């Protein structure tokens, strides 16, 4: 079982890979789940738009798409992240790029753990879980 990081048609270097893997494993364990195969793919706005249209029939840009392939308590999935959108959102919200990237990454992991973000209550719970996880990263 592994957490992997890939780029898709984009030059991007993820900093602190080992620390991020350890942090993600800790969050998964705190949710009483088990680490499976989790693949993060860092890409461009255009590639994530293509993915959104092709697989979800959504003709919109987004910062993240999570494909859940979990089996019971074992977390498996692909998490596609638009580095461009994360960068824009970091500026918009006045936070560091790495902080926003980690928020988006853990957002995808939390989706794999079963959390949703469709209703106001779901969004509030997701944000609370993201904030708890980000505190554990120790900025």
Foldseek 3Di string as FASTA:
>chain_A
DDEEEEEDPDDDDDPPVVLLRVLLQVLLVVLVAHEDYEYEYEYAQVVVQVVCCVPPVDNDGDQWDWDFPDDVRYGHTYIYGHLVVLVVVCVVVVHDSNLSVQLSVVLNSVVSSPQDCDDPVSVVVSVVSSVVSSVVSPD
